């Protein structure tokens, strides 16, 4: 796999996990969901 493919797979995996947790695939308390919603923005700012 090229580095681009590796990064895209990792982003797809993390995005799927984030979407599953945020949209209620698991029964999480609402306080956890409130923390999960802005998580991609926090990660993007941290990477920058």
ModelCIF file with pLDDT and N, C-alpha, C, O atoms, coordinates in Angstrom:
data_MODEL
#
_entry.id   MODEL 
#
_entity.id                         1 
_entity.type                       polymer 
_entity.pdbx_number_of_molecules   1 
#
_entity_poly.entity_id                      1 
_entity_poly.type                           'polypeptide(L)' 
_entity_poly.nstd_linkage                   no 
_entity_poly.nstd_monomer                   no 
_entity_poly.pdbx_seq_one_letter_code       
;(UNK)(UNK)(UNK)(UNK)(UNK)(UNK)(UNK)(UNK)(UNK)(UNK)(UNK)(UNK)(UNK)(UNK)(UNK)(UNK)
(UNK)(UNK)(UNK)(UNK)(UNK)(UNK)(UNK)(UNK)(UNK)(UNK)(UNK)(UNK)(UNK)(UNK)(UNK)(UNK)
(UNK)(UNK)(UNK)(UNK)(UNK)(UNK)(UNK)(UNK)(UNK)(UNK)(UNK)(UNK)(UNK)(UNK)(UNK)(UNK)
;
_entity_poly.pdbx_seq_one_letter_code_can   XXXXXXXXXXXXXXXXXXXXXXXXXXXXXXXXXXXXXXXXXXXXXXXX 
_entity_poly.pdbx_strand_id                 A 
#
loop_
_entity_poly_seq.entity_id 
_entity_poly_seq.num 
_entity_poly_seq.mon_id 
_entity_poly_seq.hetero 
1 1  UNK n 
1 2  UNK n 
1 3  UNK n 
1 4  UNK n 
1 5  UNK n 
1 6  UNK n 
1 7  UNK n 
1 8  UNK n 
1 9  UNK n 
1 10 UNK n 
1 11 UNK n 
1 12 UNK n 
1 13 UNK n 
1 14 UNK n 
1 15 UNK n 
1 16 UNK n 
1 17 UNK n 
1 18 UNK n 
1 19 UNK n 
1 20 UNK n 
1 21 UNK n 
1 22 UNK n 
1 23 UNK n 
1 24 UNK n 
1 25 UNK n 
1 26 UNK n 
1 27 UNK n 
1 28 UNK n 
1 29 UNK n 
1 30 UNK n 
1 31 UNK n 
1 32 UNK n 
1 33 UNK n 
1 34 UNK n 
1 35 UNK n 
1 36 UNK n 
1 37 UNK n 
1 38 UNK n 
1 39 UNK n 
1 40 UNK n 
1 41 UNK n 
1 42 UNK n 
1 43 UNK n 
1 44 UNK n 
1 45 UNK n 
1 46 UNK n 
1 47 UNK n 
1 48 UNK n 
#
_struct_asym.id          A 
_struct_asym.entity_id   1 
#
loop_
_ma_qa_metric.id 
_ma_qa_metric.mode 
_ma_qa_metric.name 
_ma_qa_metric.software_group_id 
_ma_qa_metric.type 
1 global pLDDT . pLDDT 
2 local  pLDDT . pLDDT 
#
_ma_qa_metric_global.metric_id      1 
_ma_qa_metric_global.metric_value   90.85 
_ma_qa_metric_global.model_id       1 
_ma_qa_metric_global.ordinal_id     1 
#
loop_
_ma_qa_metric_local.label_asym_id 
_ma_qa_metric_local.label_comp_id 
_ma_qa_metric_local.label_seq_id 
_ma_qa_metric_local.metric_id 
_ma_qa_metric_local.metric_value 
_ma_qa_metric_local.model_id 
_ma_qa_metric_local.ordinal_id 
A UNK 1  2 83.00 1 1  
A UNK 2  2 93.00 1 2  
A UNK 3  2 93.00 1 3  
A UNK 4  2 95.00 1 4  
A UNK 5  2 94.00 1 5  
A UNK 6  2 95.00 1 6  
A UNK 7  2 92.00 1 7  
A UNK 8  2 96.00 1 8  
A UNK 9  2 96.00 1 9  
A UNK 10 2 94.00 1 10 
A UNK 11 2 93.00 1 11 
A UNK 12 2 96.00 1 12 
A UNK 13 2 96.00 1 13 
A UNK 14 2 93.00 1 14 
A UNK 15 2 93.00 1 15 
A UNK 16 2 94.00 1 16 
A UNK 17 2 92.00 1 17 
A UNK 18 2 92.00 1 18 
A UNK 19 2 91.00 1 19 
A UNK 20 2 90.00 1 20 
A UNK 21 2 89.00 1 21 
A UNK 22 2 88.00 1 22 
A UNK 23 2 87.00 1 23 
A UNK 24 2 83.00 1 24 
A UNK 25 2 83.00 1 25 
A UNK 26 2 83.00 1 26 
A UNK 27 2 86.00 1 27 
A UNK 28 2 83.00 1 28 
A UNK 29 2 87.00 1 29 
A UNK 30 2 85.00 1 30 
A UNK 31 2 86.00 1 31 
A UNK 32 2 85.00 1 32 
A UNK 33 2 84.00 1 33 
A UNK 34 2 88.00 1 34 
A UNK 35 2 88.00 1 35 
A UNK 36 2 90.00 1 36 
A UNK 37 2 91.00 1 37 
A UNK 38 2 93.00 1 38 
A UNK 39 2 91.00 1 39 
A UNK 40 2 91.00 1 40 
A UNK 41 2 94.00 1 41 
A UNK 42 2 94.00 1 42 
A UNK 43 2 92.00 1 43 
A UNK 44 2 93.00 1 44 
A UNK 45 2 97.00 1 45 
A UNK 46 2 97.00 1 46 
A UNK 47 2 95.00 1 47 
A UNK 48 2 97.00 1 48 
#
loop_
_atom_site.group_PDB 
_atom_site.id 
_atom_site.type_symbol 
_atom_site.label_atom_id 
_atom_site.label_alt_id 
_atom_site.label_comp_id 
_atom_site.label_asym_id 
_atom_site.label_entity_id 
_atom_site.label_seq_id 
_atom_site.pdbx_PDB_ins_code 
_atom_site.Cartn_x 
_atom_site.Cartn_y 
_atom_site.Cartn_z 
_atom_site.occupancy 
_atom_site.B_iso_or_equiv 
_atom_site.pdbx_formal_charge 
_atom_site.auth_seq_id 
_atom_site.auth_comp_id 
_atom_site.auth_asym_id 
_atom_site.auth_atom_id 
_atom_site.pdbx_PDB_model_num 
ATOM 1   N N  . UNK A 1 1  ? 0.844   -1.186 0.000  1.00 83.00 ? 1  UNK A N  1 
ATOM 2   C CA . UNK A 1 1  ? 0.000   0.000  0.000  1.00 83.00 ? 1  UNK A CA 1 
ATOM 3   C C  . UNK A 1 1  ? 0.884   1.242  0.000  1.00 83.00 ? 1  UNK A C  1 
ATOM 4   O O  . UNK A 1 1  ? 1.934   1.276  0.642  1.00 83.00 ? 1  UNK A O  1 
ATOM 5   N N  . UNK A 1 2  ? 0.449   2.240  -0.717 1.00 93.00 ? 2  UNK A N  1 
ATOM 6   C CA . UNK A 1 2  ? 1.161   3.509  -0.676 1.00 93.00 ? 2  UNK A CA 1 
ATOM 7   C C  . UNK A 1 2  ? 0.809   4.218  0.626  1.00 93.00 ? 2  UNK A C  1 
ATOM 8   O O  . UNK A 1 2  ? -0.144  3.847  1.311  1.00 93.00 ? 2  UNK A O  1 
ATOM 9   N N  . UNK A 1 3  ? 1.579   5.227  0.952  1.00 93.00 ? 3  UNK A N  1 
ATOM 10  C CA . UNK A 1 3  ? 1.293   5.993  2.179  1.00 93.00 ? 3  UNK A CA 1 
ATOM 11  C C  . UNK A 1 3  ? -0.089  6.634  2.112  1.00 93.00 ? 3  UNK A C  1 
ATOM 12  O O  . UNK A 1 3  ? -0.800  6.693  3.115  1.00 93.00 ? 3  UNK A O  1 
ATOM 13  N N  . UNK A 1 4  ? -0.468  7.113  0.927  1.00 95.00 ? 4  UNK A N  1 
ATOM 14  C CA . UNK A 1 4  ? -1.783  7.714  0.773  1.00 95.00 ? 4  UNK A CA 1 
ATOM 15  C C  . UNK A 1 4  ? -2.876  6.701  1.075  1.00 95.00 ? 4  UNK A C  1 
ATOM 16  O O  . UNK A 1 4  ? -3.843  7.015  1.768  1.00 95.00 ? 4  UNK A O  1 
ATOM 17  N N  . UNK A 1 5  ? -2.728  5.496  0.561  1.00 94.00 ? 5  UNK A N  1 
ATOM 18  C CA . UNK A 1 5  ? -3.728  4.460  0.813  1.00 94.00 ? 5  UNK A CA 1 
ATOM 19  C C  . UNK A 1 5  ? -3.786  4.112  2.298  1.00 94.00 ? 5  UNK A C  1 
ATOM 20  O O  . UNK A 1 5  ? -4.868  3.897  2.844  1.00 94.00 ? 5  UNK A O  1 
ATOM 21  N N  . UNK A 1 6  ? -2.629  4.055  2.949  1.00 95.00 ? 6  UNK A N  1 
ATOM 22  C CA . UNK A 1 6  ? -2.608  3.773  4.383  1.00 95.00 ? 6  UNK A CA 1 
ATOM 23  C C  . UNK A 1 6  ? -3.343  4.862  5.158  1.00 95.00 ? 6  UNK A C  1 
ATOM 24  O O  . UNK A 1 6  ? -4.143  4.564  6.045  1.00 95.00 ? 6  UNK A O  1 
ATOM 25  N N  . UNK A 1 7  ? -3.073  6.126  4.826  1.00 92.00 ? 7  UNK A N  1 
ATOM 26  C CA . UNK A 1 7  ? -3.737  7.234  5.513  1.00 92.00 ? 7  UNK A CA 1 
ATOM 27  C C  . UNK A 1 7  ? -5.238  7.208  5.255  1.00 92.00 ? 7  UNK A C  1 
ATOM 28  O O  . UNK A 1 7  ? -6.028  7.441  6.170  1.00 92.00 ? 7  UNK A O  1 
ATOM 29  N N  . UNK A 1 8  ? -5.636  6.929  4.025  1.00 96.00 ? 8  UNK A N  1 
ATOM 30  C CA . UNK A 1 8  ? -7.063  6.893  3.714  1.00 96.00 ? 8  UNK A CA 1 
ATOM 31  C C  . UNK A 1 8  ? -7.770  5.761  4.448  1.00 96.00 ? 8  UNK A C  1 
ATOM 32  O O  . UNK A 1 8  ? -8.887  5.940  4.934  1.00 96.00 ? 8  UNK A O  1 
ATOM 33  N N  . UNK A 1 9  ? -7.130  4.598  4.533  1.00 96.00 ? 9  UNK A N  1 
ATOM 34  C CA . UNK A 1 9  ? -7.724  3.501  5.292  1.00 96.00 ? 9  UNK A CA 1 
ATOM 35  C C  . UNK A 1 9  ? -7.852  3.869  6.777  1.00 96.00 ? 9  UNK A C  1 
ATOM 36  O O  . UNK A 1 9  ? -8.883  3.610  7.396  1.00 96.00 ? 9  UNK A O  1 
ATOM 37  N N  . UNK A 1 10 ? -6.812  4.468  7.335  1.00 94.00 ? 10 UNK A N  1 
ATOM 38  C CA . UNK A 1 10 ? -6.857  4.861  8.746  1.00 94.00 ? 10 UNK A CA 1 
ATOM 39  C C  . UNK A 1 10 ? -7.960  5.890  8.987  1.00 94.00 ? 10 UNK A C  1 
ATOM 40  O O  . UNK A 1 10 ? -8.698  5.801  9.968  1.00 94.00 ? 10 UNK A O  1 
ATOM 41  N N  . UNK A 1 11 ? -8.067  6.874  8.078  1.00 93.00 ? 11 UNK A N  1 
ATOM 42  C CA . UNK A 1 11 ? -9.124  7.880  8.231  1.00 93.00 ? 11 UNK A CA 1 
ATOM 43  C C  . UNK A 1 11 ? -10.511 7.266  8.092  1.00 93.00 ? 11 UNK A C  1 
ATOM 44  O O  . UNK A 1 11 ? -11.434 7.636  8.818  1.00 93.00 ? 11 UNK A O  1 
ATOM 45  N N  . UNK A 1 12 ? -10.657 6.327  7.160  1.00 96.00 ? 12 UNK A N  1 
ATOM 46  C CA . UNK A 1 12 ? -11.947 5.660  6.990  1.00 96.00 ? 12 UNK A CA 1 
ATOM 47  C C  . UNK A 1 12 ? -12.305 4.846  8.223  1.00 96.00 ? 12 UNK A C  1 
ATOM 48  O O  . UNK A 1 12 ? -13.458 4.845  8.654  1.00 96.00 ? 12 UNK A O  1 
ATOM 49  N N  . UNK A 1 13 ? -11.330 4.158  8.790  1.00 96.00 ? 13 UNK A N  1 
ATOM 50  C CA . UNK A 1 13 ? -11.570 3.365  9.989  1.00 96.00 ? 13 UNK A CA 1 
ATOM 51  C C  . UNK A 1 13 ? -11.938 4.246  11.179 1.00 96.00 ? 13 UNK A C  1 
ATOM 52  O O  . UNK A 1 13 ? -12.905 3.970  11.889 1.00 96.00 ? 13 UNK A O  1 
ATOM 53  N N  . UNK A 1 14 ? -11.164 5.305  11.393 1.00 93.00 ? 14 UNK A N  1 
ATOM 54  C CA . UNK A 1 14 ? -11.463 6.220  12.500 1.00 93.00 ? 14 UNK A CA 1 
ATOM 55  C C  . UNK A 1 14 ? -12.789 6.943  12.286 1.00 93.00 ? 14 UNK A C  1 
ATOM 56  O O  . UNK A 1 14 ? -13.557 7.127  13.231 1.00 93.00 ? 14 UNK A O  1 
ATOM 57  N N  . UNK A 1 15 ? -13.061 7.355  11.043 1.00 93.00 ? 15 UNK A N  1 
ATOM 58  C CA . UNK A 1 15 ? -14.325 8.025  10.748 1.00 93.00 ? 15 UNK A CA 1 
ATOM 59  C C  . UNK A 1 15 ? -15.522 7.116  10.961 1.00 93.00 ? 15 UNK A C  1 
ATOM 60  O O  . UNK A 1 15 ? -16.563 7.551  11.453 1.00 93.00 ? 15 UNK A O  1 
ATOM 61  N N  . UNK A 1 16 ? -15.370 5.857  10.590 1.00 94.00 ? 16 UNK A N  1 
ATOM 62  C CA . UNK A 1 16 ? -16.462 4.904  10.809 1.00 94.00 ? 16 UNK A CA 1 
ATOM 63  C C  . UNK A 1 16 ? -16.708 4.673  12.293 1.00 94.00 ? 16 UNK A C  1 
ATOM 64  O O  . UNK A 1 16 ? -17.852 4.619  12.742 1.00 94.00 ? 16 UNK A O  1 
ATOM 65  N N  . UNK A 1 17 ? -15.626 4.537  13.045 1.00 92.00 ? 17 UNK A N  1 
ATOM 66  C CA . UNK A 1 17 ? -15.779 4.351  14.494 1.00 92.00 ? 17 UNK A CA 1 
ATOM 67  C C  . UNK A 1 17 ? -16.409 5.581  15.124 1.00 92.00 ? 17 UNK A C  1 
ATOM 68  O O  . UNK A 1 17 ? -17.284 5.464  15.982 1.00 92.00 ? 17 UNK A O  1 
ATOM 69  N N  . UNK A 1 18 ? -15.966 6.764  14.702 1.00 92.00 ? 18 UNK A N  1 
ATOM 70  C CA . UNK A 1 18 ? -16.539 8.001  15.247 1.00 92.00 ? 18 UNK A CA 1 
ATOM 71  C C  . UNK A 1 18 ? -18.036 8.099  14.910 1.00 92.00 ? 18 UNK A C  1 
ATOM 72  O O  . UNK A 1 18 ? -18.851 8.427  15.773 1.00 92.00 ? 18 UNK A O  1 
ATOM 73  N N  . UNK A 1 19 ? -18.389 7.811  13.648 1.00 91.00 ? 19 UNK A N  1 
ATOM 74  C CA . UNK A 1 19 ? -19.789 7.886  13.244 1.00 91.00 ? 19 UNK A CA 1 
ATOM 75  C C  . UNK A 1 19 ? -20.636 6.876  14.002 1.00 91.00 ? 19 UNK A C  1 
ATOM 76  O O  . UNK A 1 19 ? -21.753 7.186  14.416 1.00 91.00 ? 19 UNK A O  1 
ATOM 77  N N  . UNK A 1 20 ? -20.110 5.665  14.188 1.00 90.00 ? 20 UNK A N  1 
ATOM 78  C CA . UNK A 1 20 ? -20.871 4.644  14.910 1.00 90.00 ? 20 UNK A CA 1 
ATOM 79  C C  . UNK A 1 20 ? -21.097 5.058  16.353 1.00 90.00 ? 20 UNK A C  1 
ATOM 80  O O  . UNK A 1 20 ? -22.195 4.887  16.885 1.00 90.00 ? 20 UNK A O  1 
ATOM 81  N N  . UNK A 1 21 ? -20.077 5.597  16.986 1.00 89.00 ? 21 UNK A N  1 
ATOM 82  C CA . UNK A 1 21 ? -20.231 6.019  18.387 1.00 89.00 ? 21 UNK A CA 1 
ATOM 83  C C  . UNK A 1 21 ? -21.121 7.246  18.514 1.00 89.00 ? 21 UNK A C  1 
ATOM 84  O O  . UNK A 1 21 ? -21.930 7.337  19.437 1.00 89.00 ? 21 UNK A O  1 
ATOM 85  N N  . UNK A 1 22 ? -20.975 8.182  17.596 1.00 88.00 ? 22 UNK A N  1 
ATOM 86  C CA . UNK A 1 22 ? -21.729 9.426  17.678 1.00 88.00 ? 22 UNK A CA 1 
ATOM 87  C C  . UNK A 1 22 ? -23.203 9.221  17.354 1.00 88.00 ? 22 UNK A C  1 
ATOM 88  O O  . UNK A 1 22 ? -24.072 9.817  17.990 1.00 88.00 ? 22 UNK A O  1 
ATOM 89  N N  . UNK A 1 23 ? -23.481 8.387  16.377 1.00 87.00 ? 23 UNK A N  1 
ATOM 90  C CA . UNK A 1 23 ? -24.865 8.205  15.929 1.00 87.00 ? 23 UNK A CA 1 
ATOM 91  C C  . UNK A 1 23 ? -25.622 7.161  16.736 1.00 87.00 ? 23 UNK A C  1 
ATOM 92  O O  . UNK A 1 23 ? -26.777 6.870  16.426 1.00 87.00 ? 23 UNK A O  1 
ATOM 93  N N  . UNK A 1 24 ? -25.004 6.595  17.757 1.00 83.00 ? 24 UNK A N  1 
ATOM 94  C CA . UNK A 1 24 ? -25.735 5.761  18.689 1.00 83.00 ? 24 UNK A CA 1 
ATOM 95  C C  . UNK A 1 24 ? -25.697 4.278  18.421 1.00 83.00 ? 24 UNK A C  1 
ATOM 96  O O  . UNK A 1 24 ? -26.631 3.575  18.807 1.00 83.00 ? 24 UNK A O  1 
ATOM 97  N N  . UNK A 1 25 ? -24.658 3.761  17.774 1.00 83.00 ? 25 UNK A N  1 
ATOM 98  C CA . UNK A 1 25 ? -24.555 2.321  17.573 1.00 83.00 ? 25 UNK A CA 1 
ATOM 99  C C  . UNK A 1 25 ? -24.367 1.614  18.913 1.00 83.00 ? 25 UNK A C  1 
ATOM 100 O O  . UNK A 1 25 ? -24.833 0.491  19.104 1.00 83.00 ? 25 UNK A O  1 
ATOM 101 N N  . UNK A 1 26 ? -23.690 2.276  19.822 1.00 83.00 ? 26 UNK A N  1 
ATOM 102 C CA . UNK A 1 26 ? -23.555 1.777  21.188 1.00 83.00 ? 26 UNK A CA 1 
ATOM 103 C C  . UNK A 1 26 ? -24.351 2.691  22.108 1.00 83.00 ? 26 UNK A C  1 
ATOM 104 O O  . UNK A 1 26 ? -24.526 3.877  21.830 1.00 83.00 ? 26 UNK A O  1 
ATOM 105 N N  . UNK A 1 27 ? -24.821 2.126  23.192 1.00 86.00 ? 27 UNK A N  1 
ATOM 106 C CA . UNK A 1 27 ? -25.617 2.921  24.130 1.00 86.00 ? 27 UNK A CA 1 
ATOM 107 C C  . UNK A 1 27 ? -24.680 3.678  25.067 1.00 86.00 ? 27 UNK A C  1 
ATOM 108 O O  . UNK A 1 27 ? -24.371 3.222  26.168 1.00 86.00 ? 27 UNK A O  1 
ATOM 109 N N  . UNK A 1 28 ? -24.237 4.847  24.602 1.00 83.00 ? 28 UNK A N  1 
ATOM 110 C CA . UNK A 1 28 ? -23.343 5.692  25.397 1.00 83.00 ? 28 UNK A CA 1 
ATOM 111 C C  . UNK A 1 28 ? -24.152 6.767  26.102 1.00 83.00 ? 28 UNK A C  1 
ATOM 112 O O  . UNK A 1 28 ? -25.187 7.199  25.597 1.00 83.00 ? 28 UNK A O  1 
ATOM 113 N N  . UNK A 1 29 ? -23.689 7.199  27.259 1.00 87.00 ? 29 UNK A N  1 
ATOM 114 C CA . UNK A 1 29 ? -24.359 8.328  27.922 1.00 87.00 ? 29 UNK A CA 1 
ATOM 115 C C  . UNK A 1 29 ? -24.259 9.582  27.049 1.00 87.00 ? 29 UNK A C  1 
ATOM 116 O O  . UNK A 1 29 ? -23.337 9.714  26.244 1.00 87.00 ? 29 UNK A O  1 
ATOM 117 N N  . UNK A 1 30 ? -25.192 10.478 27.212 1.00 85.00 ? 30 UNK A N  1 
ATOM 118 C CA . UNK A 1 30 ? -25.217 11.685 26.377 1.00 85.00 ? 30 UNK A CA 1 
ATOM 119 C C  . UNK A 1 30 ? -23.984 12.556 26.598 1.00 85.00 ? 30 UNK A C  1 
ATOM 120 O O  . UNK A 1 30 ? -23.554 13.257 25.682 1.00 85.00 ? 30 UNK A O  1 
ATOM 121 N N  . UNK A 1 31 ? -23.411 12.521 27.798 1.00 86.00 ? 31 UNK A N  1 
ATOM 122 C CA . UNK A 1 31 ? -22.206 13.322 28.046 1.00 86.00 ? 31 UNK A CA 1 
ATOM 123 C C  . UNK A 1 31 ? -21.044 12.836 27.176 1.00 86.00 ? 31 UNK A C  1 
ATOM 124 O O  . UNK A 1 31 ? -20.232 13.640 26.720 1.00 86.00 ? 31 UNK A O  1 
ATOM 125 N N  . UNK A 1 32 ? -20.965 11.537 26.950 1.00 85.00 ? 32 UNK A N  1 
ATOM 126 C CA . UNK A 1 32 ? -19.904 11.003 26.070 1.00 85.00 ? 32 UNK A CA 1 
ATOM 127 C C  . UNK A 1 32 ? -20.151 11.416 24.630 1.00 85.00 ? 32 UNK A C  1 
ATOM 128 O O  . UNK A 1 32 ? -19.209 11.743 23.907 1.00 85.00 ? 32 UNK A O  1 
ATOM 129 N N  . UNK A 1 33 ? -21.413 11.405 24.204 1.00 84.00 ? 33 UNK A N  1 
ATOM 130 C CA . UNK A 1 33 ? -21.728 11.814 22.833 1.00 84.00 ? 33 UNK A CA 1 
ATOM 131 C C  . UNK A 1 33 ? -21.436 13.294 22.632 1.00 84.00 ? 33 UNK A C  1 
ATOM 132 O O  . UNK A 1 33 ? -21.016 13.697 21.547 1.00 84.00 ? 33 UNK A O  1 
ATOM 133 N N  . UNK A 1 34 ? -21.648 14.096 23.642 1.00 88.00 ? 34 UNK A N  1 
ATOM 134 C CA . UNK A 1 34 ? -21.351 15.526 23.533 1.00 88.00 ? 34 UNK A CA 1 
ATOM 135 C C  . UNK A 1 34 ? -19.857 15.768 23.345 1.00 88.00 ? 34 UNK A C  1 
ATOM 136 O O  . UNK A 1 34 ? -19.456 16.719 22.675 1.00 88.00 ? 34 UNK A O  1 
ATOM 137 N N  . UNK A 1 35 ? -19.046 14.914 23.931 1.00 88.00 ? 35 UNK A N  1 
ATOM 138 C CA . UNK A 1 35 ? -17.599 15.034 23.767 1.00 88.00 ? 35 UNK A CA 1 
ATOM 139 C C  . UNK A 1 35 ? -17.188 14.525 22.391 1.00 88.00 ? 35 UNK A C  1 
ATOM 140 O O  . UNK A 1 35 ? -16.235 15.041 21.808 1.00 88.00 ? 35 UNK A O  1 
ATOM 141 N N  . UNK A 1 36 ? -17.883 13.527 21.863 1.00 90.00 ? 36 UNK A N  1 
ATOM 142 C CA . UNK A 1 36 ? -17.517 12.933 20.584 1.00 90.00 ? 36 UNK A CA 1 
ATOM 143 C C  . UNK A 1 36 ? -17.817 13.831 19.390 1.00 90.00 ? 36 UNK A C  1 
ATOM 144 O O  . UNK A 1 36 ? -17.094 13.782 18.395 1.00 90.00 ? 36 UNK A O  1 
ATOM 145 N N  . UNK A 1 37 ? -18.864 14.648 19.463 1.00 91.00 ? 37 UNK A N  1 
ATOM 146 C CA . UNK A 1 37 ? -19.238 15.472 18.308 1.00 91.00 ? 37 UNK A CA 1 
ATOM 147 C C  . UNK A 1 37 ? -18.107 16.374 17.826 1.00 91.00 ? 37 UNK A C  1 
ATOM 148 O O  . UNK A 1 37 ? -17.813 16.363 16.631 1.00 91.00 ? 37 UNK A O  1 
ATOM 149 N N  . UNK A 1 38 ? -17.460 17.150 18.683 1.00 93.00 ? 38 UNK A N  1 
ATOM 150 C CA . UNK A 1 38 ? -16.395 18.044 18.166 1.00 93.00 ? 38 UNK A CA 1 
ATOM 151 C C  . UNK A 1 38 ? -15.022 17.371 18.050 1.00 93.00 ? 38 UNK A C  1 
ATOM 152 O O  . UNK A 1 38 ? -14.044 18.039 17.715 1.00 93.00 ? 38 UNK A O  1 
ATOM 153 N N  . UNK A 1 39 ? -14.931 16.073 18.319 1.00 91.00 ? 39 UNK A N  1 
ATOM 154 C CA . UNK A 1 39 ? -13.638 15.393 18.309 1.00 91.00 ? 39 UNK A CA 1 
ATOM 155 C C  . UNK A 1 39 ? -12.890 15.530 16.978 1.00 91.00 ? 39 UNK A C  1 
ATOM 156 O O  . UNK A 1 39 ? -11.684 15.773 17.017 1.00 91.00 ? 39 UNK A O  1 
ATOM 157 N N  . UNK A 1 40 ? -13.516 15.392 15.806 1.00 91.00 ? 40 UNK A N  1 
ATOM 158 C CA . UNK A 1 40 ? -12.755 15.574 14.559 1.00 91.00 ? 40 UNK A CA 1 
ATOM 159 C C  . UNK A 1 40 ? -12.136 16.964 14.428 1.00 91.00 ? 40 UNK A C  1 
ATOM 160 O O  . UNK A 1 40 ? -11.022 17.107 13.923 1.00 91.00 ? 40 UNK A O  1 
ATOM 161 N N  . UNK A 1 41 ? -12.856 17.980 14.881 1.00 94.00 ? 41 UNK A N  1 
ATOM 162 C CA . UNK A 1 41 ? -12.298 19.339 14.812 1.00 94.00 ? 41 UNK A CA 1 
ATOM 163 C C  . UNK A 1 41 ? -11.090 19.464 15.740 1.00 94.00 ? 41 UNK A C  1 
ATOM 164 O O  . UNK A 1 41 ? -10.084 20.070 15.370 1.00 94.00 ? 41 UNK A O  1 
ATOM 165 N N  . UNK A 1 42 ? -11.183 18.896 16.937 1.00 94.00 ? 42 UNK A N  1 
ATOM 166 C CA . UNK A 1 42 ? -10.049 18.936 17.859 1.00 94.00 ? 42 UNK A CA 1 
ATOM 167 C C  . UNK A 1 42 ? -8.846  18.198 17.274 1.00 94.00 ? 42 UNK A C  1 
ATOM 168 O O  . UNK A 1 42 ? -7.712  18.662 17.387 1.00 94.00 ? 42 UNK A O  1 
ATOM 169 N N  . UNK A 1 43 ? -9.100  17.051 16.651 1.00 92.00 ? 43 UNK A N  1 
ATOM 170 C CA . UNK A 1 43 ? -7.998  16.300 16.047 1.00 92.00 ? 43 UNK A CA 1 
ATOM 171 C C  . UNK A 1 43 ? -7.378  17.051 14.881 1.00 92.00 ? 43 UNK A C  1 
ATOM 172 O O  . UNK A 1 43 ? -6.162  17.020 14.698 1.00 92.00 ? 43 UNK A O  1 
ATOM 173 N N  . UNK A 1 44 ? -8.203  17.722 14.096 1.00 93.00 ? 44 UNK A N  1 
ATOM 174 C CA . UNK A 1 44 ? -7.682  18.499 12.972 1.00 93.00 ? 44 UNK A CA 1 
ATOM 175 C C  . UNK A 1 44 ? -6.822  19.667 13.454 1.00 93.00 ? 44 UNK A C  1 
ATOM 176 O O  . UNK A 1 44 ? -5.759  19.930 12.891 1.00 93.00 ? 44 UNK A O  1 
ATOM 177 N N  . UNK A 1 45 ? -7.273  20.357 14.483 1.00 97.00 ? 45 UNK A N  1 
ATOM 178 C CA . UNK A 1 45 ? -6.494  21.467 15.045 1.00 97.00 ? 45 UNK A CA 1 
ATOM 179 C C  . UNK A 1 45 ? -5.194  20.941 15.651 1.00 97.00 ? 45 UNK A C  1 
ATOM 180 O O  . UNK A 1 45 ? -4.143  21.564 15.497 1.00 97.00 ? 45 UNK A O  1 
ATOM 181 N N  . UNK A 1 46 ? -5.258  19.808 16.332 1.00 97.00 ? 46 UNK A N  1 
ATOM 182 C CA . UNK A 1 46 ? -4.044  19.219 16.917 1.00 97.00 ? 46 UNK A CA 1 
ATOM 183 C C  . UNK A 1 46 ? -3.048  18.826 15.837 1.00 97.00 ? 46 UNK A C  1 
ATOM 184 O O  . UNK A 1 46 ? -1.849  19.061 15.985 1.00 97.00 ? 46 UNK A O  1 
ATOM 185 N N  . UNK A 1 47 ? -3.533  18.227 14.745 1.00 95.00 ? 47 UNK A N  1 
ATOM 186 C CA . UNK A 1 47 ? -2.637  17.847 13.647 1.00 95.00 ? 47 UNK A CA 1 
ATOM 187 C C  . UNK A 1 47 ? -2.014  19.087 13.017 1.00 95.00 ? 47 UNK A C  1 
ATOM 188 O O  . UNK A 1 47 ? -0.835  19.068 12.663 1.00 95.00 ? 47 UNK A O  1 
ATOM 189 N N  . UNK A 1 48 ? -2.780  20.162 12.870 1.00 97.00 ? 48 UNK A N  1 
ATOM 190 C CA . UNK A 1 48 ? -2.243  21.402 12.327 1.00 97.00 ? 48 UNK A CA 1 
ATOM 191 C C  . UNK A 1 48 ? -1.172  22.000 13.223 1.00 97.00 ? 48 UNK A C  1 
ATOM 192 O O  . UNK A 1 48 ? -0.617  23.051 12.905 1.00 97.00 ? 48 UNK A O  1 
#
